[in-house]
Amino acid sequence: MRIRTLIVDDEVLSRRGVEIRLRDQSDFEIVAQCANGREALAAVQQYKPDLMFLDIQMPDAAGDYMCIHAGGDTHILRGTMKELEEILDPKLFQRVHRSTIVNLRLVRSLRAHMNGEYFLTLEGGHELKLSRTYRDKVEYFLSGSR
């Protein structure tokens, strides 16, 4: 089964870079590419992707939107990552990337990558990048505090 993927970025070259990298991976099927938030919302509704690469710094006149992945469904929520992070229980949810908050109960393993970055493997096998900016989270995961 291939991972149905949506690429969203206002820069053509950035979208192309993600596309080139994904085309070499047989596990991914790119279902659509979008240049703005409105296109992305329509594509999510039409294609119901499993994964979305989203540039959250895009200008978007409709406001800030996030995609919440839960129970196999994707839900669109209006608000900022910071606002969401403030209302979630930090014992259950931690920010691991500028565009990712993860449910700690779903993290199965952590593996080092180059340049001080790590990848978290979730239940079901999906991997998420833990960026250098959130390096302090590595200690949190490694200490077994979850």
Protein backbone atom coordinates (compact mmCIF):
# COMPACT_ATOMS: atom_id res chain seq x y z
CA MET A 1 0.00 0.00 0.00
CA ARG A 2 1.42 3.37 -1.02
CA ILE A 3 1.30 6.50 1.13
CA ARG A 4 -0.99 9.02 -0.62
CA THR A 5 0.91 12.30 -0.33
CA LEU A 6 0.05 15.97 -0.82
CA ILE A 7 2.77 18.61 -1.29
CA VAL A 8 1.94 22.22 -0.31
CA ASP A 9 4.39 25.08 -0.73
CA ASP A 10 4.13 28.50 -2.32
CA GLU A 11 7.57 28.07 -3.92
CA VAL A 12 7.63 25.98 -7.10
CA LEU A 13 11.25 24.92 -6.56
CA SER A 14 10.52 23.70 -3.05
CA ARG A 15 7.57 21.62 -4.27
CA ARG A 16 9.75 20.24 -7.04
CA GLY A 17 12.49 19.30 -4.55
CA VAL A 18 10.06 17.30 -2.41
CA GLU A 19 8.57 15.71 -5.52
CA ILE A 20 11.99 14.60 -6.81
CA ARG A 21 12.86 12.99 -3.50
CA LEU A 22 9.52 11.21 -3.17
CA ARG A 23 9.52 9.90 -6.74
CA ASP A 24 12.56 7.77 -5.85
CA GLN A 25 10.62 6.13 -3.01
CA SER A 26 8.19 3.44 -4.13
CA ASP A 27 6.15 3.79 -0.90
CA PHE A 28 4.81 7.23 -1.87
CA GLU A 29 2.16 8.32 -4.36
CA ILE A 30 1.91 12.08 -4.92
CA VAL A 31 -1.82 12.76 -5.33
CA ALA A 32 -1.59 16.56 -5.70
CA GLN A 33 0.60 19.63 -5.33
CA CYS A 34 -0.73 22.98 -4.11
CA ALA A 35 0.64 26.52 -4.01
CA ASN A 36 -1.52 27.94 -1.21
CA GLY A 37 -3.78 27.12 1.71
CA ARG A 38 -7.05 27.31 -0.21
CA GLU A 39 -5.80 24.83 -2.80
CA ALA A 40 -4.53 22.59 0.02
CA LEU A 41 -7.88 22.54 1.81
CA ALA A 42 -9.66 21.59 -1.41
CA ALA A 43 -7.05 18.89 -2.17
CA VAL A 44 -7.34 17.41 1.33
CA GLN A 45 -11.10 17.12 0.91
CA GLN A 46 -10.82 15.70 -2.61
CA TYR A 47 -7.87 13.29 -2.25
CA LYS A 48 -7.88 12.51 1.50
CA PRO A 49 -4.09 12.08 1.62
CA ASP A 50 -2.28 9.97 4.21
CA LEU A 51 0.58 12.48 4.44
CA MET A 52 1.00 16.18 3.70
CA PHE A 53 4.22 18.13 3.27
CA LEU A 54 3.15 21.64 4.25
CA ASP A 55 5.12 24.88 4.29
CA ILE A 56 3.46 26.61 7.24
CA GLN A 57 5.12 29.97 6.53
CA MET A 58 3.09 30.51 3.39
CA PRO A 59 1.01 33.70 3.16
CA ASP A 60 -2.58 32.52 3.43
CA ALA A 61 -5.42 35.26 3.52
CA ALA A 62 -7.81 32.69 5.04
CA GLY A 63 -5.74 32.52 8.24
CA ASP A 64 -3.70 29.81 9.96
CA TYR A 65 -4.71 26.20 9.43
CA MET A 66 -3.37 22.92 10.73
CA CYS A 67 -4.00 19.34 9.79
CA ILE A 68 -4.68 17.05 12.72
CA HIS A 69 -4.11 13.35 11.99
CA ALA A 70 -6.05 11.12 14.38
CA GLY A 71 -7.53 7.66 14.13
CA GLY A 72 -6.76 7.42 10.42
CA ASP A 73 -8.62 10.66 9.64
CA THR A 74 -7.36 14.16 8.85
CA HIS A 75 -9.10 17.13 10.43
CA ILE A 76 -8.51 20.78 9.51
CA LEU A 77 -8.20 23.14 12.48
CA ARG A 78 -7.88 26.91 12.32
CA GLY A 79 -5.22 28.27 14.67
CA THR A 80 -1.48 28.32 15.19
CA MET A 81 0.86 25.57 16.32
CA LYS A 82 1.71 27.68 19.37
CA GLU A 83 -1.97 27.95 20.34
CA LEU A 84 -2.46 24.21 19.93
CA GLU A 85 0.69 23.45 21.90
CA GLU A 86 -0.54 25.62 24.78
CA ILE A 87 -3.83 23.73 25.17
CA LEU A 88 -2.45 20.18 24.84
CA ASP A 89 -1.19 18.25 27.86
CA PRO A 90 2.65 18.31 27.61
CA LYS A 91 2.81 14.90 29.30
CA LEU A 92 0.99 13.46 26.28
CA PHE A 93 1.95 15.80 23.40
CA GLN A 94 5.32 17.35 22.56
CA ARG A 95 6.47 19.58 19.72
CA VAL A 96 9.29 17.90 17.80
CA HIS A 97 9.51 20.15 14.72
CA ARG A 98 8.27 23.60 13.73
CA SER A 99 5.32 21.93 12.00
CA THR A 100 4.83 18.81 14.13
CA ILE A 101 3.37 18.00 17.53
CA VAL A 102 3.40 14.29 18.36
CA ASN A 103 1.32 12.11 20.67
CA LEU A 104 3.99 10.54 22.88
CA ARG A 105 1.95 7.37 23.38
CA LEU A 106 2.40 6.62 19.66
CA VAL A 107 6.21 6.95 19.61
CA ARG A 108 7.82 3.51 19.33
CA SER A 109 11.49 4.34 18.68
CA LEU A 110 14.03 7.08 18.09
CA ARG A 111 16.99 6.91 15.73
CA ALA A 112 19.82 9.36 15.19
CA HIS A 113 20.32 11.04 11.84
CA MET A 114 23.04 13.39 10.62
CA ASN A 115 23.51 16.96 11.86
CA GLY A 116 21.98 16.31 15.26
CA GLU A 117 18.56 15.44 13.90
CA TYR A 118 16.55 12.37 14.85
CA PHE A 119 13.63 10.41 13.47
CA LEU A 120 10.76 9.18 15.61
CA THR A 121 9.03 6.01 14.49
CA LEU A 122 5.35 5.91 15.33
CA GLU A 123 3.01 3.00 15.85
CA GLY A 124 2.25 1.76 12.35
CA GLY A 125 5.76 2.53 11.10
CA HIS A 126 5.49 6.19 10.05
CA GLU A 127 8.59 8.28 10.71
CA LEU A 128 8.67 11.92 11.82
CA LYS A 129 11.65 14.23 11.86
CA LEU A 130 12.73 15.62 15.23
CA SER A 131 14.66 18.77 14.31
CA ARG A 132 17.79 20.19 15.94
CA THR A 133 15.73 23.09 17.30
CA TYR A 134 13.89 20.62 19.51
CA ARG A 135 17.02 18.67 20.46
CA ASP A 136 16.11 18.95 24.15
CA LYS A 137 13.20 16.65 23.35
CA VAL A 138 15.70 13.90 22.52
CA GLU A 139 16.68 13.69 26.18
CA TYR A 140 13.02 13.58 27.10
CA PHE A 141 12.43 10.60 24.81
CA LEU A 142 15.64 8.80 25.73
CA SER A 143 15.06 9.16 29.47
CA GLY A 144 11.85 7.17 29.22
CA SER A 145 9.90 10.00 30.83
CA ARG A 146 6.90 9.36 28.71
